Amino acid sequence: MIALLKGIIHNKQKNRLVIMTNGGVGYDVFVSSVLFVECVVGRNIELLTYLKVAEQAMELYGFRDIHEKAFFELLISVKGVGPKGALNILSLGSIVDIQSAISRGDVTYLTQVSGLGKRTAERLCVELKNKVGSETIDEMRGDSAIVGDVVEGLVAMGYSKDEVRDVVQGLDMKQKDAEQLLRDALKMLSR
């Protein structure tokens, strides 16, 4: 099984990357739209992968870290949620936000995903509510509160929620307070 890919992004289109390894093999990898936007052709990348083997094809799905991959695998364990649907769910927002929506049964939030109907969203909430419980959310809640402050500040400055959400997802949260994150977000928005 292919568990990790490391190489150069050869090309990208429609949430797919072609990663050229040092061995000269190019792998076609599906990624979330959030990760897709961050990727630049010609740059090095390292992705954890999930290999889906079907009768007619083998497909690779790429993730930036083990938490994202584990959550993806949890999503596809639900009947009616396939790998592409799970990637679309991951594109909704941060893992904390998605887990929070699942734990409180927020079907409206989840049905924003293309191809995810109300029944499947309800099933997702019922089956995963206990698996994405408060301990997982609490681990990340500290960052989430700071991010909430940054989002509120940017929206108050006149930026749209969609614009702000895209920028905030690309921020490096490590050891930064709300003020530092706000500065970083404003730099990204001014580009």
N, C-alpha and C. Protein backbone atom coordinates (compact mmCIF):
# COMPACT_ATOMS: atom_id res chain seq x y z
N MET A 1 0.84 -1.18 0.00
CA MET A 1 0.00 0.00 0.00
C MET A 1 0.89 1.24 0.00
N ILE A 2 0.46 2.26 -0.69
CA ILE A 2 1.19 3.53 -0.74
C ILE A 2 0.70 4.38 0.43
N ALA A 3 1.58 4.65 1.38
CA ALA A 3 1.19 5.37 2.58
C ALA A 3 1.68 6.81 2.61
N LEU A 4 2.73 7.10 1.84
CA LEU A 4 3.33 8.43 1.85
C LEU A 4 3.93 8.73 0.48
N LEU A 5 3.72 9.95 0.03
CA LEU A 5 4.33 10.39 -1.22
C LEU A 5 5.16 11.63 -0.94
N LYS A 6 6.35 11.66 -1.51
CA LYS A 6 7.22 12.82 -1.37
C LYS A 6 7.79 13.11 -2.74
N GLY A 7 7.62 14.34 -3.20
CA GLY A 7 8.13 14.70 -4.51
C GLY A 7 7.79 16.13 -4.87
N ILE A 8 7.84 16.40 -6.16
CA ILE A 8 7.57 17.75 -6.68
C ILE A 8 6.20 17.74 -7.35
N ILE A 9 5.46 18.82 -7.13
CA ILE A 9 4.16 18.95 -7.79
C ILE A 9 4.41 19.25 -9.26
N HIS A 10 4.08 18.28 -10.11
CA HIS A 10 4.32 18.40 -11.55
C HIS A 10 3.24 19.24 -12.21
N ASN A 11 1.98 18.97 -11.87
CA ASN A 11 0.86 19.81 -12.33
C ASN A 11 -0.33 19.60 -11.41
N LYS A 12 -1.33 20.45 -11.59
CA LYS A 12 -2.51 20.36 -10.75
C LYS A 12 -3.72 20.85 -11.53
N GLN A 13 -4.87 20.19 -11.29
CA GLN A 13 -6.13 20.64 -11.85
C GLN A 13 -7.28 19.90 -11.19
N LYS A 14 -8.37 20.64 -10.95
CA LYS A 14 -9.60 20.09 -10.37
C LYS A 14 -9.37 19.20 -9.15
N ASN A 15 -8.75 19.76 -8.14
CA ASN A 15 -8.48 19.06 -6.87
C ASN A 15 -7.66 17.78 -7.03
N ARG A 16 -6.81 17.76 -8.06
CA ARG A 16 -5.89 16.65 -8.28
C ARG A 16 -4.49 17.20 -8.50
N LEU A 17 -3.54 16.52 -7.92
CA LEU A 17 -2.13 16.87 -8.11
C LEU A 17 -1.42 15.70 -8.77
N VAL A 18 -0.46 16.00 -9.62
CA VAL A 18 0.45 14.97 -10.09
C VAL A 18 1.77 15.23 -9.38
N ILE A 19 2.18 14.26 -8.58
CA ILE A 19 3.41 14.38 -7.81
C ILE A 19 4.47 13.48 -8.43
N MET A 20 5.57 14.10 -8.84
CA MET A 20 6.68 13.38 -9.45
C MET A 20 7.70 13.05 -8.35
N THR A 21 7.93 11.76 -8.16
CA THR A 21 8.87 11.32 -7.13
C THR A 21 10.30 11.33 -7.68
N ASN A 22 11.28 11.17 -6.80
CA ASN A 22 12.68 11.11 -7.23
C ASN A 22 12.94 9.93 -8.15
N GLY A 23 12.12 8.90 -8.02
CA GLY A 23 12.27 7.72 -8.86
C GLY A 23 11.73 7.90 -10.27
N GLY A 24 11.15 9.07 -10.54
CA GLY A 24 10.65 9.35 -11.88
C GLY A 24 9.23 8.87 -12.14
N VAL A 25 8.50 8.53 -11.07
CA VAL A 25 7.12 8.08 -11.22
C VAL A 25 6.19 9.22 -10.81
N GLY A 26 5.19 9.50 -11.63
CA GLY A 26 4.20 10.53 -11.30
C GLY A 26 2.94 9.89 -10.76
N TYR A 27 2.50 10.35 -9.59
CA TYR A 27 1.29 9.83 -8.96
C TYR A 27 0.19 10.88 -9.04
N ASP A 28 -1.00 10.45 -9.45
CA ASP A 28 -2.18 11.30 -9.50
C ASP A 28 -2.88 11.18 -8.15
N VAL A 29 -3.02 12.32 -7.44
CA VAL A 29 -3.54 12.29 -6.08
C VAL A 29 -4.69 13.29 -5.95
N PHE A 30 -5.83 12.82 -5.41
CA PHE A 30 -6.95 13.70 -5.10
C PHE A 30 -6.67 14.36 -3.76
N VAL A 31 -6.95 15.66 -3.65
CA VAL A 31 -6.76 16.39 -2.39
C VAL A 31 -7.98 17.27 -2.14
N SER A 32 -8.13 17.73 -0.91
CA SER A 32 -9.23 18.65 -0.59
C SER A 32 -8.99 19.98 -1.29
N SER A 33 -10.05 20.75 -1.48
CA SER A 33 -9.90 22.03 -2.17
C SER A 33 -9.04 23.00 -1.35
N VAL A 34 -9.06 22.86 -0.03
CA VAL A 34 -8.23 23.71 0.83
C VAL A 34 -6.75 23.43 0.56
N LEU A 35 -6.37 22.17 0.53
CA LEU A 35 -4.99 21.80 0.26
C LEU A 35 -4.61 22.13 -1.18
N PHE A 36 -5.53 21.93 -2.11
CA PHE A 36 -5.28 22.20 -3.53
C PHE A 36 -4.86 23.65 -3.75
N VAL A 37 -5.57 24.57 -3.10
CA VAL A 37 -5.28 26.00 -3.25
C VAL A 37 -3.89 26.34 -2.73
N GLU A 38 -3.45 25.66 -1.69
CA GLU A 38 -2.14 25.92 -1.09
C GLU A 38 -0.97 25.41 -1.95
N CYS A 39 -1.23 24.44 -2.80
CA CYS A 39 -0.17 23.79 -3.57
C CYS A 39 0.28 24.64 -4.76
N VAL A 40 1.59 24.65 -4.98
CA VAL A 40 2.19 25.41 -6.08
C VAL A 40 2.99 24.45 -6.95
N VAL A 41 2.73 24.50 -8.26
CA VAL A 41 3.46 23.65 -9.20
C VAL A 41 4.96 23.96 -9.10
N GLY A 42 5.77 22.90 -9.07
CA GLY A 42 7.22 23.06 -8.98
C GLY A 42 7.77 22.98 -7.56
N ARG A 43 6.89 23.01 -6.56
CA ARG A 43 7.34 22.94 -5.17
C ARG A 43 7.33 21.50 -4.66
N ASN A 44 8.16 21.27 -3.67
CA ASN A 44 8.19 19.96 -3.02
C ASN A 44 6.98 19.81 -2.11
N ILE A 45 6.53 18.56 -1.99
CA ILE A 45 5.39 18.28 -1.13
C ILE A 45 5.54 16.88 -0.55
N GLU A 46 4.99 16.71 0.64
CA GLU A 46 4.95 15.40 1.27
C GLU A 46 3.53 15.18 1.76
N LEU A 47 2.90 14.10 1.31
CA LEU A 47 1.52 13.81 1.65
C LEU A 47 1.38 12.40 2.20
N LEU A 48 0.58 12.27 3.24
CA LEU A 48 0.14 10.94 3.66
C LEU A 48 -0.96 10.56 2.68
N THR A 49 -1.09 9.29 2.36
CA THR A 49 -2.07 8.91 1.36
C THR A 49 -2.98 7.77 1.82
N TYR A 50 -4.12 7.72 1.17
CA TYR A 50 -5.09 6.64 1.33
C TYR A 50 -5.30 6.08 -0.07
N LEU A 51 -5.13 4.78 -0.24
CA LEU A 51 -5.30 4.14 -1.54
C LEU A 51 -6.63 3.42 -1.58
N LYS A 52 -7.48 3.82 -2.53
CA LYS A 52 -8.76 3.15 -2.75
C LYS A 52 -8.60 2.23 -3.95
N VAL A 53 -8.83 0.95 -3.72
CA VAL A 53 -8.73 -0.03 -4.79
C VAL A 53 -10.14 -0.47 -5.16
N ALA A 54 -10.49 -0.26 -6.43
CA ALA A 54 -11.80 -0.67 -6.93
C ALA A 54 -11.58 -1.59 -8.14
N GLU A 55 -12.67 -2.14 -8.67
CA GLU A 55 -12.56 -3.02 -9.82
C GLU A 55 -11.91 -2.35 -11.02
N GLN A 56 -12.30 -1.11 -11.26
CA GLN A 56 -11.87 -0.44 -12.49
C GLN A 56 -10.72 0.55 -12.30
N ALA A 57 -10.38 0.88 -11.07
CA ALA A 57 -9.32 1.87 -10.87
C ALA A 57 -8.74 1.81 -9.47
N MET A 58 -7.55 2.37 -9.35
CA MET A 58 -6.94 2.60 -8.04
C MET A 58 -6.78 4.12 -7.92
N GLU A 59 -7.26 4.67 -6.81
CA GLU A 59 -7.20 6.12 -6.63
C GLU A 59 -6.46 6.45 -5.34
N LEU A 60 -5.62 7.48 -5.40
CA LEU A 60 -4.89 7.95 -4.23
C LEU A 60 -5.50 9.25 -3.73
N TYR A 61 -5.62 9.37 -2.42
CA TYR A 61 -6.12 10.58 -1.78
C TYR A 61 -5.03 11.06 -0.83
N GLY A 62 -4.71 12.36 -0.90
CA GLY A 62 -3.59 12.89 -0.13
C GLY A 62 -4.02 13.81 1.00
N PHE A 63 -3.22 13.80 2.09
CA PHE A 63 -3.51 14.58 3.29
C PHE A 63 -2.23 15.18 3.84
N ARG A 64 -2.35 16.36 4.43
CA ARG A 64 -1.17 17.04 4.95
C ARG A 64 -0.68 16.47 6.27
N ASP A 65 -1.57 15.84 7.06
CA ASP A 65 -1.13 15.28 8.34
C ASP A 65 -1.98 14.08 8.74
N ILE A 66 -1.56 13.42 9.80
CA ILE A 66 -2.21 12.19 10.25
C ILE A 66 -3.63 12.45 10.76
N HIS A 67 -3.87 13.63 11.35
CA HIS A 67 -5.21 13.95 11.87
C HIS A 67 -6.22 14.06 10.73
N GLU A 68 -5.80 14.72 9.65
CA GLU A 68 -6.68 14.88 8.50
C GLU A 68 -6.99 13.51 7.87
N LYS A 69 -5.97 12.67 7.76
CA LYS A 69 -6.17 11.33 7.18
C LYS A 69 -7.08 10.48 8.07
N ALA A 70 -6.86 10.53 9.37
CA ALA A 70 -7.68 9.74 10.30
C ALA A 70 -9.13 10.19 10.25
N PHE A 71 -9.36 11.50 10.16
CA PHE A 71 -10.73 12.00 10.09
C PHE A 71 -11.38 11.59 8.77
N PHE A 72 -10.62 11.63 7.67
CA PHE A 72 -11.09 11.17 6.37
C PHE A 72 -11.54 9.71 6.46
N GLU A 73 -10.71 8.87 7.07
CA GLU A 73 -11.05 7.45 7.20
C GLU A 73 -12.29 7.25 8.06
N LEU A 74 -12.47 8.09 9.06
CA LEU A 74 -13.67 8.03 9.88
C LEU A 74 -14.90 8.41 9.05
N LEU A 75 -14.77 9.44 8.22
CA LEU A 75 -15.88 9.88 7.37
C LEU A 75 -16.30 8.79 6.39
N ILE A 76 -15.33 8.13 5.76
CA ILE A 76 -15.69 7.11 4.75
C ILE A 76 -16.22 5.83 5.37
N SER A 77 -16.13 5.71 6.70
CA SER A 77 -16.70 4.54 7.37
C SER A 77 -18.23 4.63 7.42
N VAL A 78 -18.78 5.79 7.13
CA VAL A 78 -20.23 5.99 7.15
C VAL A 78 -20.80 5.60 5.79
N LYS A 79 -21.85 4.78 5.81
CA LYS A 79 -22.50 4.35 4.58
C LYS A 79 -22.99 5.57 3.80
N GLY A 80 -22.66 5.61 2.52
CA GLY A 80 -23.09 6.71 1.66
C GLY A 80 -22.06 7.82 1.50
N VAL A 81 -20.96 7.74 2.27
CA VAL A 81 -19.89 8.73 2.14
C VAL A 81 -18.68 8.03 1.53
N GLY A 82 -18.38 8.38 0.29
CA GLY A 82 -17.22 7.84 -0.39
C GLY A 82 -16.02 8.75 -0.22
N PRO A 83 -14.88 8.35 -0.77
CA PRO A 83 -13.68 9.16 -0.63
C PRO A 83 -13.80 10.59 -1.18
N LYS A 84 -14.43 10.74 -2.33
CA LYS A 84 -14.57 12.09 -2.90
C LYS A 84 -15.53 12.93 -2.06
N GLY A 85 -16.58 12.32 -1.54
CA GLY A 85 -17.49 13.03 -0.65
C GLY A 85 -16.80 13.44 0.64
N ALA A 86 -15.95 12.55 1.17
CA ALA A 86 -15.21 12.86 2.39
C ALA A 86 -14.25 14.03 2.16
N LEU A 87 -13.60 14.07 0.99
CA LEU A 87 -12.73 15.21 0.66
C LEU A 87 -13.54 16.50 0.59
N ASN A 88 -14.73 16.41 0.02
CA ASN A 88 -15.59 17.60 -0.04
C ASN A 88 -15.97 18.07 1.37
N ILE A 89 -16.23 17.12 2.26
CA ILE A 89 -16.55 17.48 3.64
C ILE A 89 -15.34 18.16 4.29
N LEU A 90 -14.15 17.64 4.05
CA LEU A 90 -12.93 18.25 4.60
C LEU A 90 -12.72 19.67 4.08
N SER A 91 -13.30 19.98 2.92
CA SER A 91 -13.16 21.32 2.34
C SER A 91 -14.11 22.33 2.97
N LEU A 92 -15.03 21.87 3.81
CA LEU A 92 -15.99 22.77 4.46
C LEU A 92 -15.34 23.77 5.41
N GLY A 93 -14.32 23.35 6.10
CA GLY A 93 -13.68 24.19 7.10
C GLY A 93 -12.64 23.40 7.86
N SER A 94 -12.31 23.85 9.04
CA SER A 94 -11.32 23.13 9.84
C SER A 94 -11.94 21.83 10.36
N ILE A 95 -11.09 20.89 10.71
CA ILE A 95 -11.56 19.61 11.24
C ILE A 95 -12.36 19.85 12.52
N VAL A 96 -11.93 20.80 13.34
CA VAL A 96 -12.64 21.12 14.58
C VAL A 96 -14.06 21.59 14.27
N ASP A 97 -14.20 22.48 13.28
CA ASP A 97 -15.53 22.99 12.92
C ASP A 97 -16.44 21.87 12.42
N ILE A 98 -15.88 20.99 11.60
CA ILE A 98 -16.67 19.88 11.04
C ILE A 98 -17.07 18.91 12.16
N GLN A 99 -16.13 18.58 13.03
CA GLN A 99 -16.43 17.69 14.14
C GLN A 99 -17.46 18.30 15.07
N SER A 100 -17.35 19.58 15.29
CA SER A 100 -18.31 20.28 16.14
C SER A 100 -19.71 20.22 15.52
N ALA A 101 -19.79 20.43 14.20
CA ALA A 101 -21.08 20.35 13.50
C ALA A 101 -21.67 18.95 13.62
N ILE A 102 -20.82 17.94 13.49
CA ILE A 102 -21.30 16.56 13.61
C ILE A 102 -21.78 16.29 15.03
N SER A 103 -21.02 16.71 16.03
CA SER A 103 -21.39 16.41 17.41
C SER A 103 -22.67 17.12 17.85
N ARG A 104 -22.96 18.29 17.27
CA ARG A 104 -24.21 18.97 17.63
C ARG A 104 -25.34 18.69 16.63
N GLY A 105 -25.07 17.83 15.62
CA GLY A 105 -26.09 17.42 14.66
C GLY A 105 -26.49 18.51 13.69
N ASP A 106 -25.56 19.36 13.29
CA ASP A 106 -25.83 20.48 12.39
C ASP A 106 -25.87 20.01 10.94
N VAL A 107 -27.01 19.48 10.54
CA VAL A 107 -27.21 18.94 9.19
C VAL A 107 -27.10 20.04 8.14
N THR A 108 -27.58 21.24 8.45
CA THR A 108 -27.55 22.36 7.51
C THR A 108 -26.11 22.68 7.11
N TYR A 109 -25.21 22.70 8.07
CA TYR A 109 -23.80 22.96 7.79
C TYR A 109 -23.22 21.88 6.88
N LEU A 110 -23.53 20.63 7.18
CA LEU A 110 -22.97 19.51 6.43
C LEU A 110 -23.53 19.40 5.02
N THR A 111 -24.78 19.80 4.81
CA THR A 111 -25.38 19.68 3.47
C THR A 111 -24.89 20.77 2.52
N GLN A 112 -24.00 21.63 2.97
CA GLN A 112 -23.35 22.58 2.07
C GLN A 112 -22.41 21.87 1.11
N VAL A 113 -22.06 20.63 1.43
CA VAL A 113 -21.16 19.84 0.61
C VAL A 113 -21.88 19.38 -0.65
N SER A 114 -21.25 19.56 -1.77
CA SER A 114 -21.80 19.09 -3.04
C SER A 114 -21.99 17.58 -3.00
N GLY A 115 -23.20 17.12 -3.27
CA GLY A 115 -23.48 15.69 -3.32
C GLY A 115 -23.83 15.05 -1.99
N LEU A 116 -23.86 15.82 -0.91
CA LEU A 116 -24.20 15.26 0.39
C LEU A 116 -25.63 15.68 0.74
N GLY A 117 -26.54 14.72 0.70
CA GLY A 117 -27.93 15.00 0.98
C GLY A 117 -28.23 15.02 2.46
N LYS A 118 -29.47 15.39 2.76
CA LYS A 118 -29.90 15.51 4.16
C LYS A 118 -29.82 14.18 4.90
N ARG A 119 -30.25 13.11 4.25
CA ARG A 119 -30.25 11.80 4.93
C ARG A 119 -28.82 11.33 5.25
N THR A 120 -27.93 11.52 4.29
CA THR A 120 -26.54 11.11 4.53
C THR A 120 -25.92 11.97 5.62
N ALA A 121 -26.22 13.27 5.62
CA ALA A 121 -25.70 14.16 6.67
C ALA A 121 -26.24 13.74 8.03
N GLU A 122 -27.51 13.37 8.09
CA GLU A 122 -28.09 12.90 9.35
C GLU A 122 -27.42 11.61 9.81
N ARG A 123 -27.18 10.70 8.86
CA ARG A 123 -26.51 9.44 9.18
C ARG A 123 -25.10 9.72 9.70
N LEU A 124 -24.42 10.65 9.07
CA LEU A 124 -23.07 11.05 9.48
C LEU A 124 -23.08 11.52 10.94
N CYS A 125 -24.05 12.35 11.28
CA CYS A 125 -24.16 12.87 12.65
C CYS A 125 -24.46 11.75 13.65
N VAL A 126 -25.38 10.87 13.30
CA VAL A 126 -25.77 9.79 14.21
C VAL A 126 -24.60 8.82 14.44
N GLU A 127 -23.96 8.40 13.35
CA GLU A 127 -22.90 7.39 13.46
C GLU A 127 -21.61 7.93 14.06
N LEU A 128 -21.32 9.20 13.84
CA LEU A 128 -20.02 9.74 14.28
C LEU A 128 -20.09 10.61 15.52
N LYS A 129 -21.29 10.90 15.99
CA LYS A 129 -21.44 11.81 17.14
C LYS A 129 -20.55 11.41 18.32
N ASN A 130 -20.56 10.15 18.68
CA ASN A 130 -19.76 9.68 19.81
C ASN A 130 -18.29 9.52 19.47
N LYS A 131 -17.97 9.35 18.18
CA LYS A 131 -16.58 9.15 17.78
C LYS A 131 -15.82 10.46 17.64
N VAL A 132 -16.53 11.55 17.45
CA VAL A 132 -15.87 12.87 17.37
C VAL A 132 -16.25 13.67 18.60
N GLY A 133 -16.32 12.97 19.71
CA GLY A 133 -16.77 13.56 20.96
C GLY A 133 -15.94 14.73 21.43
N SER A 134 -16.27 15.17 22.59
CA SER A 134 -15.70 16.39 23.13
C SER A 134 -14.19 16.32 23.32
N GLU A 135 -13.61 15.13 23.56
CA GLU A 135 -12.16 15.09 23.79
C GLU A 135 -11.39 15.51 22.55
N THR A 136 -11.87 15.12 21.37
CA THR A 136 -11.19 15.51 20.14
C THR A 136 -11.34 17.00 19.91
N ILE A 137 -12.52 17.51 20.13
CA ILE A 137 -12.78 18.93 19.92
C ILE A 137 -12.04 19.77 20.96
N ASP A 138 -12.03 19.31 22.21
CA ASP A 138 -11.36 20.07 23.26
C ASP A 138 -9.87 20.21 23.00
N GLU A 139 -9.24 19.20 22.37
CA GLU A 139 -7.82 19.27 22.06
C GLU A 139 -7.50 20.49 21.20
N MET A 140 -8.42 20.84 20.31
CA MET A 140 -8.17 21.90 19.36
C MET A 140 -8.92 23.19 19.68
N ARG A 141 -9.74 23.17 20.72
CA ARG A 141 -10.60 24.31 21.01
C ARG A 141 -9.82 25.58 21.30
N GLY A 142 -8.62 25.47 21.91
CA GLY A 142 -7.82 26.65 22.20
C GLY A 142 -7.53 27.42 20.92
N ASP A 143 -7.05 26.74 19.88
CA ASP A 143 -6.81 27.38 18.59
C ASP A 143 -8.10 27.89 18.00
N SER A 144 -9.18 27.14 18.18
CA SER A 144 -10.45 27.51 17.58
C SER A 144 -10.98 28.83 18.14
N ALA A 145 -10.79 29.05 19.44
CA ALA A 145 -11.25 30.31 20.04
C ALA A 145 -10.47 31.49 19.49
N ILE A 146 -9.18 31.32 19.32
CA ILE A 146 -8.35 32.38 18.75
C ILE A 146 -8.75 32.64 17.31
N VAL A 147 -8.97 31.56 16.55
CA VAL A 147 -9.40 31.71 15.15
C VAL A 147 -10.73 32.43 15.08
N GLY A 148 -11.63 32.13 16.00
CA GLY A 148 -12.93 32.81 16.04
C GLY A 148 -12.76 34.31 16.22
N ASP A 149 -11.83 34.70 17.08
CA ASP A 149 -11.56 36.13 17.28
C ASP A 149 -11.03 36.77 16.00
N VAL A 150 -10.14 36.06 15.31
CA VAL A 150 -9.56 36.58 14.07
C VAL A 150 -10.65 36.73 13.00
N VAL A 151 -11.50 35.72 12.88
CA VAL A 151 -12.59 35.77 11.90
C VAL A 151 -13.52 36.95 12.20
N GLU A 152 -13.91 37.09 13.46
CA GLU A 152 -14.79 38.21 13.83
C GLU A 152 -14.15 39.55 13.51
N GLY A 153 -12.87 39.69 13.79
CA GLY A 153 -12.17 40.94 13.51
C GLY A 153 -12.14 41.27 12.03
N LEU A 154 -11.86 40.27 11.20
CA LEU A 154 -11.78 40.49 9.75
C LEU A 154 -13.15 40.80 9.15
N VAL A 155 -14.18 40.11 9.63
CA VAL A 155 -15.54 40.38 9.15
C VAL A 155 -15.95 41.80 9.55
N ALA A 156 -15.57 42.22 10.75
CA ALA A 156 -15.88 43.58 11.21
C ALA A 156 -15.18 44.63 10.34
N MET A 157 -14.04 44.24 9.74
CA MET A 157 -13.31 45.15 8.86
C MET A 157 -13.90 45.20 7.46
N GLY A 158 -14.90 44.36 7.20
CA GLY A 158 -15.58 44.41 5.91
C GLY A 158 -15.29 43.27 4.95
N TYR A 159 -14.49 42.30 5.37
CA TYR A 159 -14.20 41.15 4.50
C TYR A 159 -15.36 40.15 4.59
N SER A 160 -15.61 39.44 3.49
CA SER A 160 -16.70 38.46 3.48
C SER A 160 -16.30 37.22 4.27
N LYS A 161 -17.29 36.50 4.78
CA LYS A 161 -17.01 35.29 5.57
C LYS A 161 -16.29 34.24 4.73
N ASP A 162 -16.68 34.08 3.47
CA ASP A 162 -16.02 33.10 2.60
C ASP A 162 -14.55 33.45 2.40
N GLU A 163 -14.30 34.72 2.14
CA GLU A 163 -12.94 35.21 1.92
C GLU A 163 -12.10 34.97 3.18
N VAL A 164 -12.68 35.31 4.33
CA VAL A 164 -11.99 35.16 5.61
C VAL A 164 -11.72 33.70 5.92
N ARG A 165 -12.72 32.85 5.69
CA ARG A 165 -12.56 31.42 5.99
C ARG A 165 -11.41 30.83 5.18
N ASP A 166 -11.32 31.17 3.90
CA ASP A 166 -10.25 30.64 3.05
C ASP A 166 -8.87 31.08 3.56
N VAL A 167 -8.76 32.34 3.96
CA VAL A 167 -7.48 32.86 4.44
C VAL A 167 -7.11 32.25 5.78
N VAL A 168 -8.07 32.16 6.69
CA VAL A 168 -7.79 31.65 8.03
C VAL A 168 -7.35 30.20 7.99
N GLN A 169 -7.89 29.42 7.06
CA GLN A 169 -7.49 28.02 6.96
C GLN A 169 -6.03 27.88 6.54
N GLY A 170 -5.48 28.88 5.89
CA GLY A 170 -4.10 28.83 5.45
C GLY A 170 -3.10 29.39 6.45
N LEU A 171 -3.57 29.85 7.60
CA LEU A 171 -2.68 30.44 8.60
C LEU A 171 -1.92 29.38 9.38
N ASP A 172 -0.69 29.71 9.75
CA ASP A 172 0.11 28.86 10.62
C ASP A 172 -0.20 29.24 12.06
N MET A 173 -0.87 28.37 12.80
CA MET A 173 -1.38 28.69 14.14
C MET A 173 -0.36 28.50 15.25
N LYS A 174 0.76 27.88 14.97
CA LYS A 174 1.69 27.48 16.02
C LYS A 174 2.19 28.66 16.84
N GLN A 175 1.88 28.62 18.12
CA GLN A 175 2.37 29.56 19.12
C GLN A 175 2.13 31.02 18.74
N LYS A 176 0.96 31.31 18.21
CA LYS A 176 0.61 32.68 17.85
C LYS A 176 -0.67 33.08 18.56
N ASP A 177 -0.73 34.34 18.95
CA ASP A 177 -1.95 34.84 19.55
C ASP A 177 -2.84 35.45 18.46
N ALA A 178 -4.02 35.92 18.85
CA ALA A 178 -4.99 36.44 17.89
C ALA A 178 -4.43 37.64 17.13
N GLU A 179 -3.67 38.49 17.81
CA GLU A 179 -3.12 39.69 17.16
C GLU A 179 -2.14 39.32 16.05
N GLN A 180 -1.25 38.37 16.33
CA GLN A 180 -0.29 37.93 15.31
C GLN A 180 -1.00 37.28 14.13
N LEU A 181 -2.01 36.44 14.43
CA LEU A 181 -2.76 35.79 13.36
C LEU A 181 -3.53 36.80 12.52
N LEU A 182 -4.06 37.83 13.16
CA LEU A 182 -4.79 38.88 12.43
C LEU A 182 -3.85 39.60 11.47
N ARG A 183 -2.64 39.91 11.93
CA ARG A 183 -1.65 40.54 11.05
C ARG A 183 -1.33 39.64 9.85
N ASP A 184 -1.10 38.36 10.12
CA ASP A 184 -0.80 37.41 9.03
C ASP A 184 -1.95 37.33 8.03
N ALA A 185 -3.18 37.30 8.55
CA ALA A 185 -4.36 37.21 7.68
C ALA A 185 -4.49 38.45 6.82
N LEU A 186 -4.24 39.62 7.41
CA LEU A 186 -4.32 40.87 6.64
C LEU A 186 -3.27 40.92 5.54
N LYS A 187 -2.09 40.39 5.82
CA LYS A 187 -1.04 40.30 4.78
C LYS A 187 -1.51 39.43 3.63
N MET A 188 -2.12 38.29 3.97
CA MET A 188 -2.60 37.37 2.93
C MET A 188 -3.74 37.99 2.12
N LEU A 189 -4.61 38.72 2.79
CA LEU A 189 -5.73 39.35 2.10
C LEU A 189 -5.30 40.49 1.21
N SER A 190 -4.18 41.11 1.52
CA SER A 190 -3.73 42.26 0.73
C SER A 190 -2.99 41.85 -0.54
N ARG A 191 -2.71 40.56 -0.68
CA ARG A 191 -1.99 40.07 -1.89
C ARG A 191 -2.88 40.12 -3.10
